[in-house]
Amino acid sequence: MRTEIAFSSLLPPKDNPRRTLDHSGIAGLARSIRTDGLLQNLVVRPEGDGRYRVISGKRRYLAFQLLKKQGDIKGDYQVPVEIKDELAEGDALRLATVENVQREPLHPMDEAEAFAKLLQAGGTVEAIVEKTGLSAATVKRRLALASLCAEAKKALRAGTITRAVAEALTLGSREQQRSILASLESEGAPEPEDIREMLLEQKPTVAMAVFARERYTGTITTDLFADEETSYFDDADQFLALQREAVEALAEEHRRTAAWVEVLHAYAAPWWQYREAQAEEPSGVAINLHPSGAVEVREGLARHEVKAEVVEAVRESPLAPRPQRERPAFNAPLLRYVALQKSAAVQAALLRNPRKAKEVATLLLLLGLRIDVGVRLSIHPCLSAPASERGAQRCYREIDEHAALLADRLGLGASNGSSPDGDGRARLLSGRAASGLHEAIGRLSDEDLDRLMVLLPVLCFGQEDPERLDAGDSLFNAVAAGIGVEMREWWTPDAVFLSALRRDQVLAVAAESGASEHLQGLAGRSKKDAVEELARYFSAASAAGEEHRTARQWLPGLFRFPSVGNLGSEASAT
């Protein structure tokens, strides 16, 4: 029934899902009402004695309240309303939630808790989807936020963290969430993907164990440089097996006294499905064994009346990783980077060895004659790749020095649009017309002519397929082995290489190269920060003292001839 009611007869909304409010927006709405009146009625419910509770329209109610405070209206101001008689509590919450979602979007945390309340009262995900128009995946993502620790909810409401960061936090236990939030005060907000990697790939700590320490027979690593000394189980599989046994024993112990015990294995435990049991009410225990091995135990609980199909529908967090095919140890960009660096290093090494360079040049020319009548040289991709793939390595600088010298001898000036990076190669390969080159070559000394004849085929030599791991008996590997190419003479681990690795691989490189002994707290940093710091360390180690010898010698198996498909380094063990 639509009518008008004095503003003083209205009671403020109770349990309205909209708890996060934009006060400047309320002031703007008040100005709009003062100028044009109320465009959409408030929805109210009678509460006796001529009073009416606002069910939907919290922002409009607060705008009227502001107008009254400012003296623009009085208590007897007639407000257009729609009265809903005999409206049940659950229906009132549903109306308020749907109305708020369909109008100005609710804050994600408000949506999360509103959806949880609807389901706690017996609602379904399908009903929320139908009424709000949101997808089921979005509803489930919001529900994951409803199980965040109180500190994370507060940070999301305050805007200290973004929704993406909050969603990533749901993958951790409440203790892990609090730890990450505490680190924000000193280190700033990490990227959501960094949080995901940290929570999904972190080694279990000794402090997480709920079993007797002596039952574990594997090795333990201690990070002596962390802010607080932390020890990690190296054998994660054994740790998880022992943790599962201990959790089951703990559950069995609680079953002796609790009305019920539920054991969960969730990234985002659905704590919104439980409440504190009231006095004299049978209470139970919920235990969540997080996939990381962290254990959370909550006692004295009662279950909300959530439908069984809803419990099943939201059992798996939409943010949790799905089972995937085993991914390759190294991605395509990394393999290409390795191939380009090795090819440039072999070229530079050949230019230092004129006899071997002539042998390779002769071989290439002979192979070219066998394949076709004419001989066409194609510059290897290692030289035409963008600077972002090459990096600033010594092998490229030395090749360019050779090319620049011969470009000068031929009188080839700066090429149009060329940059200092690779300028010698650019001038040599994009010079004057054929007739002019013929005359310039005729003026070369015998020594320079020999150097040019060797250089051009060498610039075409390298790993045949840069997109794969060259682990066989290829011509490229035979040449590299024959001249004894030492990759660390030509290449230093840089940010391009390290960025192509997974976070756990970056930390493995730091440990094996000895860098973790000199870089404090690297395991607790984001991948981006770890990559930058490790790249700086490798660069500085090349001119540092004997204590950094391991870092100067460290070479991944990928950079050997032939390649070994791992990051292990024989040199690091010497």
Protein backbone atom coordinates (compact mmCIF):
# COMPACT_ATOMS: atom_id res chain seq x y z
CA MET A 1 0.00 0.00 0.00
CA ARG A 2 1.41 3.40 -1.04
CA THR A 3 0.83 6.41 1.23
CA GLU A 4 2.66 9.21 3.06
CA ILE A 5 3.96 9.09 6.64
CA ALA A 6 5.49 11.81 8.84
CA PHE A 7 9.27 11.51 8.92
CA SER A 8 9.20 11.46 12.75
CA SER A 9 7.16 8.22 12.57
CA LEU A 10 9.90 6.37 10.68
CA LEU A 11 12.38 4.10 12.43
CA PRO A 12 15.88 3.65 10.92
CA PRO A 13 16.70 0.46 9.00
CA LYS A 14 17.63 -2.54 11.12
CA ASP A 15 20.22 -5.06 9.84
CA ASN A 16 20.30 -3.26 6.50
CA PRO A 17 22.99 -4.81 4.29
CA ARG A 18 24.38 -1.39 3.34
CA ARG A 19 26.88 -0.60 6.09
CA THR A 20 29.58 1.15 4.07
CA LEU A 21 28.28 4.58 3.06
CA ASP A 22 29.59 7.41 0.90
CA HIS A 23 28.74 10.49 3.01
CA SER A 24 29.31 12.88 0.12
CA GLY A 25 26.80 10.78 -1.84
CA ILE A 26 24.24 11.15 1.00
CA ALA A 27 24.66 14.95 0.88
CA GLY A 28 24.16 14.92 -2.89
CA LEU A 29 21.03 12.79 -2.54
CA ALA A 30 19.69 15.23 0.09
CA ARG A 31 20.13 18.15 -2.32
CA SER A 32 18.34 16.17 -5.03
CA ILE A 33 15.38 15.41 -2.71
CA ARG A 34 15.19 19.06 -1.64
CA THR A 35 15.04 20.17 -5.30
CA ASP A 36 13.00 17.44 -7.02
CA GLY A 37 11.40 15.49 -4.18
CA LEU A 38 11.67 11.74 -3.57
CA LEU A 39 11.69 9.81 -6.85
CA GLN A 40 11.34 6.33 -5.30
CA ASN A 41 9.27 5.54 -2.22
CA LEU A 42 10.77 4.07 0.92
CA VAL A 43 9.62 0.54 1.75
CA VAL A 44 8.47 0.27 5.39
CA ARG A 45 6.91 -2.25 7.78
CA PRO A 46 4.52 -1.40 10.67
CA GLU A 47 5.98 -1.89 14.15
CA GLY A 48 3.02 -0.68 16.27
CA ASP A 49 2.21 2.60 18.01
CA GLY A 50 2.09 4.34 14.66
CA ARG A 51 5.79 3.68 13.98
CA TYR A 52 7.20 2.18 10.79
CA ARG A 53 10.57 0.48 10.25
CA VAL A 54 12.41 1.34 7.02
CA ILE A 55 13.12 -1.91 5.15
CA SER A 56 14.76 -0.57 1.99
CA GLY A 57 15.97 2.95 1.30
CA LYS A 58 18.67 3.51 3.91
CA ARG A 59 20.44 6.16 1.81
CA ARG A 60 17.14 8.00 1.23
CA TYR A 61 16.29 7.80 4.95
CA LEU A 62 19.70 9.25 5.89
CA ALA A 63 19.26 11.99 3.30
CA PHE A 64 15.95 12.98 4.95
CA GLN A 65 17.69 12.86 8.33
CA LEU A 66 20.36 15.26 7.01
CA LEU A 67 17.68 17.61 5.63
CA LYS A 68 15.99 17.68 9.05
CA LYS A 69 19.30 18.36 10.79
CA GLN A 70 19.95 21.24 8.38
CA GLY A 71 16.49 22.66 9.07
CA ASP A 72 15.19 22.07 5.54
CA ILE A 73 12.32 19.84 6.75
CA LYS A 74 10.51 19.26 10.04
CA GLY A 75 9.49 16.09 11.82
CA ASP A 76 6.00 16.22 10.35
CA TYR A 77 7.30 16.23 6.77
CA GLN A 78 5.27 13.69 4.78
CA VAL A 79 7.50 11.02 3.24
CA PRO A 80 6.12 8.83 0.37
CA VAL A 81 6.30 5.19 1.45
CA GLU A 82 5.14 1.73 0.44
CA ILE A 83 3.86 -0.22 3.46
CA LYS A 84 4.57 -3.98 3.50
CA ASP A 85 2.18 -5.60 6.02
CA GLU A 86 3.01 -8.98 7.55
CA LEU A 87 6.55 -9.01 6.15
CA ALA A 88 8.67 -11.77 7.70
CA GLU A 89 12.20 -10.96 8.94
CA GLY A 90 13.81 -13.08 6.23
CA ASP A 91 11.73 -11.41 3.51
CA ALA A 92 12.70 -7.97 4.80
CA LEU A 93 16.40 -8.81 4.55
CA ARG A 94 15.90 -10.24 1.07
CA LEU A 95 14.08 -7.10 -0.09
CA ALA A 96 16.78 -4.82 1.32
CA THR A 97 19.61 -6.86 -0.21
CA VAL A 98 18.06 -7.13 -3.67
CA GLU A 99 17.04 -3.44 -3.71
CA ASN A 100 20.54 -2.30 -2.72
CA VAL A 101 22.32 -4.52 -5.23
CA GLN A 102 20.04 -3.42 -8.06
CA ARG A 103 20.50 0.29 -7.23
CA GLU A 104 23.87 1.83 -6.33
CA PRO A 105 26.26 -1.14 -5.96
CA LEU A 106 26.87 -2.23 -2.41
CA HIS A 107 30.38 -2.29 -1.03
CA PRO A 108 31.75 -5.82 -1.70
CA MET A 109 31.99 -6.48 2.05
CA ASP A 110 28.37 -5.41 2.55
CA GLU A 111 27.30 -7.69 -0.29
CA ALA A 112 29.29 -10.57 1.21
CA GLU A 113 27.68 -10.33 4.63
CA ALA A 114 24.20 -9.69 3.18
CA PHE A 115 24.42 -12.79 0.97
CA ALA A 116 25.68 -14.83 3.93
CA LYS A 117 22.69 -13.72 6.03
CA LEU A 118 20.26 -14.70 3.26
CA LEU A 119 21.80 -18.18 3.07
CA GLN A 120 21.93 -18.49 6.85
CA ALA A 121 18.14 -17.95 6.83
CA GLY A 122 17.58 -20.81 4.36
CA GLY A 123 18.05 -18.98 1.05
CA THR A 124 19.80 -20.40 -1.99
CA VAL A 125 22.55 -19.19 -4.32
CA GLU A 126 20.17 -19.61 -7.25
CA ALA A 127 17.62 -17.28 -5.63
CA ILE A 128 20.26 -14.58 -5.07
CA VAL A 129 21.41 -14.94 -8.70
CA GLU A 130 17.84 -14.65 -9.96
CA LYS A 131 16.97 -11.60 -7.87
CA THR A 132 20.22 -9.62 -8.26
CA GLY A 133 21.28 -10.54 -11.78
CA LEU A 134 24.78 -11.35 -10.54
CA SER A 135 26.48 -14.54 -11.69
CA ALA A 136 26.78 -17.54 -9.37
CA ALA A 137 30.57 -17.16 -9.50
CA THR A 138 30.33 -13.54 -8.28
CA VAL A 139 28.00 -14.54 -5.43
CA LYS A 140 30.44 -17.28 -4.35
CA ARG A 141 33.39 -14.87 -4.53
CA ARG A 142 31.52 -12.49 -2.23
CA LEU A 143 30.74 -15.34 0.18
CA ALA A 144 34.46 -16.10 0.37
CA LEU A 145 34.97 -12.53 1.64
CA ALA A 146 32.42 -13.21 4.41
CA SER A 147 34.90 -15.66 5.99
CA LEU A 148 37.82 -13.20 6.16
CA CYS A 149 39.26 -12.38 9.56
CA ALA A 150 37.88 -9.23 11.22
CA GLU A 151 41.07 -7.27 10.49
CA ALA A 152 40.84 -8.02 6.76
CA LYS A 153 37.16 -7.05 6.64
CA LYS A 154 37.97 -3.76 8.35
CA ALA A 155 40.83 -3.06 5.94
CA LEU A 156 38.60 -3.74 2.92
CA ARG A 157 35.87 -1.43 4.24
CA ALA A 158 38.42 1.31 4.93
CA GLY A 159 39.95 0.99 1.47
CA THR A 160 43.34 0.02 2.90
CA ILE A 161 43.29 -3.06 0.67
CA THR A 162 41.53 -3.62 -2.65
CA ARG A 163 38.89 -6.23 -3.32
CA ALA A 164 41.42 -8.19 -5.40
CA VAL A 165 43.84 -8.27 -2.45
CA ALA A 166 41.01 -9.29 -0.10
CA GLU A 167 39.98 -12.12 -2.44
CA ALA A 168 43.58 -13.35 -2.58
CA LEU A 169 43.72 -13.28 1.24
CA THR A 170 40.78 -15.72 1.42
CA LEU A 171 43.21 -18.43 0.25
CA GLY A 172 45.06 -18.19 3.57
CA SER A 173 44.19 -19.14 7.11
CA ARG A 174 43.13 -16.34 9.45
CA GLU A 175 46.60 -16.33 11.00
CA GLN A 176 48.18 -16.00 7.55
CA GLN A 177 45.77 -13.19 6.69
CA ARG A 178 46.73 -11.28 9.83
CA SER A 179 50.43 -11.80 9.12
CA ILE A 180 50.14 -10.38 5.60
CA LEU A 181 48.04 -7.44 6.81
CA ALA A 182 50.65 -6.66 9.47
CA SER A 183 53.38 -6.59 6.81
CA LEU A 184 51.44 -3.94 4.84
CA GLU A 185 52.24 -1.33 7.46
CA SER A 186 55.96 -1.47 6.67
CA GLU A 187 56.15 -2.79 3.11
CA GLY A 188 53.02 -1.47 1.36
CA ALA A 189 50.32 -3.40 -0.46
CA PRO A 190 51.58 -6.41 -2.45
CA GLU A 191 50.07 -7.44 -5.76
CA PRO A 192 47.17 -9.94 -5.46
CA GLU A 193 49.11 -12.46 -7.58
CA ASP A 194 52.08 -12.19 -5.20
CA ILE A 195 49.77 -13.01 -2.28
CA ARG A 196 48.33 -15.99 -4.16
CA GLU A 197 51.82 -17.33 -4.93
CA MET A 198 52.96 -16.74 -1.36
CA LEU A 199 49.98 -18.60 0.13
CA LEU A 200 49.90 -21.43 -2.41
CA GLU A 201 53.64 -22.15 -2.62
CA GLN A 202 54.91 -21.32 0.88
CA LYS A 203 56.70 -24.12 2.71
CA PRO A 204 54.98 -25.22 5.94
CA THR A 205 56.57 -23.80 9.06
CA VAL A 206 57.44 -25.83 12.14
CA ALA A 207 55.07 -23.60 14.14
CA MET A 208 52.14 -24.93 12.07
CA ALA A 209 52.58 -28.53 13.22
CA VAL A 210 49.91 -29.99 15.51
CA PHE A 211 51.79 -33.31 15.76
CA ALA A 212 54.73 -34.20 17.95
CA ARG A 213 57.90 -32.74 16.38
CA GLU A 214 59.88 -36.00 16.78
CA ARG A 215 57.49 -37.84 14.41
CA TYR A 216 58.90 -35.86 11.47
CA THR A 217 62.02 -37.53 10.02
CA GLY A 218 62.84 -35.14 7.17
CA THR A 219 65.16 -32.15 7.10
CA ILE A 220 64.31 -28.65 8.30
CA THR A 221 65.51 -25.32 6.87
CA THR A 222 65.92 -22.31 9.15
CA ASP A 223 65.80 -18.76 7.77
CA LEU A 224 68.26 -17.03 10.06
CA PHE A 225 67.82 -13.69 8.31
CA ALA A 226 64.05 -13.30 8.65
CA ASP A 227 62.71 -10.66 11.06
CA GLU A 228 61.96 -13.52 13.44
CA GLU A 229 63.82 -16.81 13.11
CA THR A 230 61.54 -19.21 11.18
CA SER A 231 62.04 -22.91 10.44
CA TYR A 232 60.44 -24.77 7.52
CA PHE A 233 59.70 -28.44 6.84
CA ASP A 234 61.54 -29.43 3.64
CA ASP A 235 59.42 -32.55 3.09
CA ALA A 236 55.96 -31.01 2.64
CA ASP A 237 54.34 -34.37 1.78
CA GLN A 238 55.47 -35.99 5.05
CA PHE A 239 54.39 -32.90 6.99
CA LEU A 240 50.88 -32.95 5.46
CA ALA A 241 50.48 -36.68 6.13
CA LEU A 242 51.41 -36.20 9.80
CA GLN A 243 49.20 -33.12 10.03
CA ARG A 244 46.18 -35.04 8.67
CA GLU A 245 46.70 -37.83 11.22
CA ALA A 246 46.97 -35.28 14.04
CA VAL A 247 43.81 -33.45 12.92
CA GLU A 248 41.82 -36.69 12.86
CA ALA A 249 43.06 -37.52 16.36
CA LEU A 250 42.08 -34.02 17.50
CA ALA A 251 38.62 -34.44 15.97
CA GLU A 252 38.19 -37.80 17.71
CA GLU A 253 39.09 -36.21 21.02
CA HIS A 254 36.46 -33.47 20.54
CA ARG A 255 33.82 -36.03 19.55
CA ARG A 256 33.84 -37.32 23.13
CA THR A 257 32.36 -34.07 24.47
CA ALA A 258 30.99 -31.99 21.56
CA ALA A 259 27.51 -32.38 20.05
CA TRP A 260 29.12 -32.58 16.63
CA VAL A 261 32.52 -32.22 14.98
CA GLU A 262 33.12 -31.17 11.40
CA VAL A 263 36.51 -31.43 9.67
CA LEU A 264 37.02 -29.16 6.66
CA HIS A 265 39.78 -29.06 4.05
CA ALA A 266 39.19 -25.62 2.53
CA TYR A 267 41.21 -22.63 1.37
CA ALA A 268 38.36 -20.33 2.44
CA ALA A 269 36.58 -22.06 5.31
CA PRO A 270 32.88 -21.03 5.30
CA TRP A 271 32.86 -19.60 8.82
CA TRP A 272 29.74 -17.60 7.94
CA GLN A 273 27.81 -20.90 8.11
CA TYR A 274 28.40 -21.04 11.89
CA ARG A 275 27.56 -18.86 14.89
CA GLU A 276 28.35 -18.93 18.60
CA ALA A 277 26.10 -21.36 20.42
CA GLN A 278 23.79 -19.82 22.99
CA ALA A 279 23.66 -20.91 26.62
CA GLU A 280 22.32 -24.44 27.07
CA GLU A 281 22.39 -24.97 23.29
CA PRO A 282 24.28 -28.08 22.10
CA SER A 283 27.55 -26.86 20.61
CA GLY A 284 30.01 -28.32 18.16
CA VAL A 285 33.53 -27.92 16.84
CA ALA A 286 34.73 -27.04 13.35
CA ILE A 287 38.32 -27.87 12.36
CA ASN A 288 39.76 -26.62 9.09
CA LEU A 289 42.93 -28.21 7.74
CA HIS A 290 44.03 -25.63 5.18
CA PRO A 291 45.78 -27.10 2.09
CA SER A 292 48.94 -25.32 3.27
CA GLY A 293 48.81 -27.40 6.46
CA ALA A 294 47.60 -24.61 8.76
CA VAL A 295 44.97 -25.76 11.27
CA GLU A 296 42.12 -23.64 12.63
CA VAL A 297 39.88 -24.93 15.45
CA ARG A 298 36.71 -23.16 16.53
CA GLU A 299 34.72 -24.49 19.47
CA GLY A 300 31.32 -23.65 20.95
CA LEU A 301 29.61 -23.32 17.57
CA ALA A 302 26.09 -23.80 16.29
CA ARG A 303 25.14 -24.11 12.63
CA HIS A 304 22.96 -21.63 10.79
CA GLU A 305 20.01 -23.16 8.95
CA VAL A 306 21.87 -23.27 5.64
CA LYS A 307 20.35 -25.64 3.11
CA ALA A 308 22.36 -28.78 2.31
CA GLU A 309 22.52 -27.94 -1.39
CA VAL A 310 23.93 -24.50 -0.56
CA VAL A 311 26.62 -26.06 1.66
CA GLU A 312 27.59 -28.30 -1.25
CA ALA A 313 27.42 -25.50 -3.84
CA VAL A 314 29.85 -23.25 -1.92
CA ARG A 315 32.11 -26.01 -0.55
CA GLU A 316 34.96 -25.11 -2.92
CA SER A 317 36.19 -21.52 -2.99
CA PRO A 318 35.94 -20.02 -6.51
CA LEU A 319 39.34 -18.46 -5.84
CA ALA A 320 41.10 -21.73 -5.05
CA PRO A 321 43.32 -23.24 -7.77
CA ARG A 322 41.66 -25.93 -9.85
CA PRO A 323 43.40 -29.23 -10.65
CA GLN A 324 45.50 -28.68 -13.75
CA ARG A 325 47.69 -30.69 -16.01
CA GLU A 326 51.24 -30.72 -14.81
CA ARG A 327 52.78 -27.54 -16.10
CA PRO A 328 56.24 -27.59 -17.68
CA ALA A 329 59.11 -26.66 -15.42
CA PHE A 330 60.08 -23.79 -17.74
CA ASN A 331 57.85 -21.58 -19.87
CA ALA A 332 58.38 -20.73 -23.55
CA PRO A 333 59.73 -17.17 -22.97
CA LEU A 334 62.38 -18.57 -20.61
CA LEU A 335 63.49 -21.24 -23.09
CA ARG A 336 63.70 -18.62 -25.84
CA TYR A 337 65.73 -16.31 -23.61
CA VAL A 338 68.17 -19.13 -22.81
CA ALA A 339 68.56 -20.03 -26.50
CA LEU A 340 69.22 -16.42 -27.50
CA GLN A 341 71.79 -15.84 -24.77
CA LYS A 342 73.64 -19.07 -25.54
CA SER A 343 73.65 -18.31 -29.28
CA ALA A 344 75.06 -14.81 -28.77
CA ALA A 345 77.68 -16.20 -26.39
CA VAL A 346 78.82 -18.81 -28.95
CA GLN A 347 79.01 -16.13 -31.65
CA ALA A 348 81.13 -13.87 -29.42
CA ALA A 349 83.40 -16.80 -28.49
CA LEU A 350 83.86 -17.70 -32.19
CA LEU A 351 84.88 -14.13 -33.01
CA ARG A 352 87.69 -14.50 -30.46
CA ASN A 353 88.87 -17.67 -32.21
CA PRO A 354 89.48 -16.86 -35.91
CA ARG A 355 90.37 -20.43 -36.88
CA LYS A 356 87.19 -21.92 -35.35
CA ALA A 357 85.14 -19.06 -36.80
CA LYS A 358 86.45 -19.86 -40.31
CA GLU A 359 85.61 -23.53 -39.79
CA VAL A 360 82.03 -22.67 -38.86
CA ALA A 361 81.72 -20.16 -41.73
CA THR A 362 82.97 -22.79 -44.20
CA LEU A 363 80.55 -25.33 -42.76
CA LEU A 364 77.60 -22.97 -43.13
CA LEU A 365 78.52 -22.11 -46.70
CA LEU A 366 78.91 -25.79 -47.57
CA LEU A 367 75.57 -26.66 -46.02
CA GLY A 368 73.98 -23.75 -47.89
CA LEU A 369 75.26 -25.09 -51.21
CA ARG A 370 73.82 -28.52 -50.45
CA ILE A 371 70.36 -27.17 -49.67
CA ASP A 372 69.98 -24.70 -52.55
CA VAL A 373 71.84 -23.44 -55.60
CA GLY A 374 72.41 -20.04 -54.06
CA VAL A 375 73.59 -19.20 -50.56
CA ARG A 376 71.41 -16.92 -48.44
CA LEU A 377 72.46 -15.87 -44.97
CA SER A 378 69.83 -15.16 -42.30
CA ILE A 379 70.79 -13.33 -39.14
CA HIS A 380 70.09 -15.47 -36.07
CA PRO A 381 67.10 -14.39 -33.93
CA CYS A 382 69.40 -13.74 -30.99
CA LEU A 383 70.51 -10.52 -32.75
CA SER A 384 67.13 -9.39 -34.05
CA ALA A 385 65.23 -9.97 -30.79
CA PRO A 386 64.08 -6.85 -28.87
CA ALA A 387 66.24 -5.56 -26.04
CA SER A 388 63.67 -6.80 -23.51
CA GLU A 389 64.50 -10.39 -24.54
CA ARG A 390 68.27 -9.93 -24.87
CA GLY A 391 69.11 -8.04 -21.71
CA ALA A 392 72.39 -6.13 -21.37
CA GLN A 393 74.91 -8.96 -21.54
CA ARG A 394 78.62 -8.90 -22.42
CA CYS A 395 78.29 -11.20 -25.44
CA TYR A 396 76.05 -8.69 -27.24
CA ARG A 397 78.42 -5.82 -26.51
CA GLU A 398 81.42 -7.69 -27.91
CA ILE A 399 79.60 -8.76 -31.08
CA ASP A 400 78.59 -5.15 -31.66
CA GLU A 401 82.16 -3.97 -31.19
CA HIS A 402 83.29 -6.30 -34.00
CA ALA A 403 80.47 -5.15 -36.25
CA ALA A 404 81.07 -1.45 -35.47
CA LEU A 405 84.77 -1.72 -36.36
CA LEU A 406 84.03 -3.21 -39.78
CA ALA A 407 81.17 -0.77 -40.39
CA ASP A 408 83.67 2.04 -39.83
CA ARG A 409 86.15 0.42 -42.26
CA LEU A 410 83.41 0.25 -44.90
CA GLY A 411 82.44 3.87 -44.27
CA LEU A 412 78.93 2.96 -43.13
CA GLY A 413 77.60 5.81 -41.00
CA ALA A 414 74.73 5.75 -38.49
CA SER A 415 71.62 4.03 -39.85
CA ASN A 416 68.30 5.85 -39.81
CA GLY A 417 66.46 5.38 -36.57
CA SER A 418 69.21 3.27 -35.04
CA SER A 419 69.95 3.38 -31.34
CA PRO A 420 73.28 3.00 -29.53
CA ASP A 421 72.19 -0.53 -28.57
CA GLY A 422 73.28 -2.71 -31.51
CA ASP A 423 74.32 0.30 -33.58
CA GLY A 424 77.33 -1.48 -35.09
CA ARG A 425 75.24 -4.39 -36.33
CA ALA A 426 72.55 -2.03 -37.62
CA ARG A 427 75.09 -0.02 -39.67
CA LEU A 428 76.76 -3.10 -41.07
CA LEU A 429 73.58 -4.87 -42.12
CA SER A 430 71.56 -1.95 -43.51
CA GLY A 431 74.19 -0.01 -45.41
CA ARG A 432 74.63 1.37 -48.92
CA ALA A 433 73.70 -0.10 -52.31
CA ALA A 434 75.57 -3.09 -53.77
CA SER A 435 77.73 -1.05 -56.12
CA GLY A 436 78.95 1.18 -53.29
CA LEU A 437 79.65 -1.82 -51.08
CA HIS A 438 81.73 -3.43 -53.81
CA GLU A 439 84.03 -0.42 -53.91
CA ALA A 440 84.23 -0.20 -50.09
CA ILE A 441 85.10 -3.89 -49.77
CA GLY A 442 87.83 -3.46 -52.37
CA ARG A 443 89.52 -0.91 -50.11
CA LEU A 444 89.61 -3.25 -47.09
CA SER A 445 92.92 -4.66 -45.90
CA ASP A 446 93.43 -8.43 -46.16
CA GLU A 447 93.01 -8.67 -42.39
CA ASP A 448 89.71 -6.75 -42.35
CA LEU A 449 88.44 -8.70 -45.34
CA ASP A 450 89.10 -11.95 -43.49
CA ARG A 451 87.35 -10.60 -40.42
CA LEU A 452 84.29 -9.57 -42.43
CA MET A 453 84.11 -12.92 -44.25
CA VAL A 454 84.11 -14.66 -40.89
CA LEU A 455 81.78 -12.28 -39.08
CA LEU A 456 78.84 -12.48 -41.50
CA PRO A 457 78.28 -16.26 -41.35
CA VAL A 458 78.96 -16.28 -37.62
CA LEU A 459 76.10 -13.80 -37.07
CA CYS A 460 73.81 -16.44 -38.60
CA PHE A 461 74.95 -19.25 -36.34
CA GLY A 462 73.12 -20.30 -33.18
CA GLN A 463 70.63 -22.72 -31.67
CA GLU A 464 68.40 -23.90 -34.50
CA ASP A 465 65.05 -23.74 -32.68
CA PRO A 466 65.00 -21.07 -29.94
CA GLU A 467 61.59 -22.26 -28.66
CA ARG A 468 62.82 -25.59 -27.27
CA LEU A 469 65.40 -26.98 -24.88
CA ASP A 470 68.48 -28.08 -26.85
CA ALA A 471 69.45 -31.15 -24.84
CA GLY A 472 70.74 -33.35 -27.68
CA ASP A 473 73.80 -33.87 -29.86
CA SER A 474 73.17 -30.86 -32.12
CA LEU A 475 75.71 -29.09 -34.32
CA PHE A 476 75.31 -26.01 -32.12
CA ASN A 477 76.21 -27.93 -28.95
CA ALA A 478 79.15 -29.62 -30.70
CA VAL A 479 80.61 -26.26 -31.79
CA ALA A 480 80.07 -24.70 -28.35
CA ALA A 481 81.71 -27.65 -26.61
CA GLY A 482 84.56 -27.67 -29.15
CA ILE A 483 85.59 -24.10 -28.38
CA GLY A 484 84.90 -24.47 -24.65
CA VAL A 485 82.28 -21.74 -24.25
CA GLU A 486 81.97 -20.71 -20.57
CA MET A 487 78.56 -19.05 -20.29
CA ARG A 488 79.34 -17.13 -17.09
CA GLU A 489 82.05 -15.29 -19.01
CA TRP A 490 79.33 -13.92 -21.29
CA TRP A 491 76.16 -13.98 -19.23
CA THR A 492 75.12 -12.84 -15.75
CA PRO A 493 71.72 -13.81 -14.25
CA ASP A 494 69.56 -10.73 -14.78
CA ALA A 495 66.02 -9.52 -14.13
CA VAL A 496 64.84 -10.76 -17.55
CA PHE A 497 65.89 -14.32 -16.68
CA LEU A 498 64.67 -14.24 -13.07
CA SER A 499 61.28 -12.73 -13.97
CA ALA A 500 60.58 -15.69 -16.27
CA LEU A 501 60.88 -18.08 -13.30
CA ARG A 502 58.17 -18.99 -10.81
CA ARG A 503 58.49 -17.50 -7.33
CA ASP A 504 59.62 -20.83 -5.84
CA GLN A 505 62.27 -21.12 -8.58
CA VAL A 506 63.56 -17.61 -7.81
CA LEU A 507 63.99 -18.58 -4.15
CA ALA A 508 65.70 -21.84 -5.22
CA VAL A 509 68.18 -19.83 -7.32
CA ALA A 510 68.88 -17.58 -4.33
CA ALA A 511 69.55 -20.58 -2.10
CA GLU A 512 71.77 -22.48 -4.55
CA SER A 513 73.81 -19.45 -5.62
CA GLY A 514 74.49 -18.50 -2.00
CA ALA A 515 72.58 -15.23 -2.36
CA SER A 516 70.13 -16.08 0.44
CA GLU A 517 73.07 -16.00 2.88
CA HIS A 518 73.55 -12.31 2.07
CA LEU A 519 69.99 -11.11 1.37
CA GLN A 520 67.86 -10.90 4.51
CA GLY A 521 64.21 -11.98 4.46
CA LEU A 522 64.08 -12.74 0.74
CA ALA A 523 61.53 -15.53 1.27
CA GLY A 524 59.04 -13.07 2.71
CA ARG A 525 59.19 -10.61 -0.19
CA SER A 526 56.98 -10.42 -3.27
CA LYS A 527 58.31 -12.06 -6.43
CA LYS A 528 58.89 -8.64 -8.04
CA ASP A 529 60.97 -7.38 -5.10
CA ALA A 530 62.87 -10.69 -4.84
CA VAL A 531 63.73 -10.60 -8.56
CA GLU A 532 65.01 -7.01 -8.40
CA GLU A 533 67.12 -7.62 -5.30
CA LEU A 534 68.55 -10.90 -6.60
CA ALA A 535 69.44 -9.32 -9.98
CA ARG A 536 71.27 -6.51 -8.19
CA TYR A 537 73.12 -9.08 -6.08
CA PHE A 538 74.33 -11.06 -9.12
CA SER A 539 75.46 -7.85 -10.82
CA ALA A 540 77.43 -6.71 -7.76
CA ALA A 541 78.86 -10.19 -7.08
CA SER A 542 80.79 -10.12 -10.38
CA ALA A 543 83.19 -7.58 -8.84
CA ALA A 544 82.90 -8.64 -5.18
CA GLY A 545 85.21 -10.60 -2.94
CA GLU A 546 85.86 -14.31 -2.47
CA GLU A 547 82.79 -14.76 -0.23
CA HIS A 548 80.65 -14.25 -3.38
CA ARG A 549 82.52 -16.78 -5.52
CA THR A 550 79.56 -19.20 -5.58
CA ALA A 551 77.31 -16.51 -7.07
CA ARG A 552 79.93 -15.64 -9.72
CA GLN A 553 80.22 -19.30 -10.76
CA TRP A 554 76.57 -20.30 -10.46
CA LEU A 555 75.13 -21.45 -13.79
CA PRO A 556 71.76 -23.17 -14.31
CA GLY A 557 71.72 -26.49 -16.13
CA LEU A 558 69.66 -24.80 -18.86
CA PHE A 559 72.76 -22.87 -19.95
CA ARG A 560 74.97 -25.90 -20.51
CA PHE A 561 75.91 -27.50 -23.85
CA PRO A 562 73.82 -29.61 -24.16
CA SER A 563 71.16 -28.19 -21.84
CA VAL A 564 70.16 -29.97 -18.65
CA GLY A 565 66.45 -29.49 -17.92
CA ASN A 566 66.78 -28.01 -14.44
CA LEU A 567 68.10 -25.00 -12.55
CA GLY A 568 70.74 -27.05 -10.74
CA SER A 569 74.32 -25.88 -11.05
CA GLU A 570 77.38 -28.08 -10.82
CA ALA A 571 79.49 -24.98 -10.24
CA SER A 572 77.54 -24.08 -7.12
CA ALA A 573 78.78 -27.26 -5.47
CA THR A 574 82.45 -26.56 -6.12
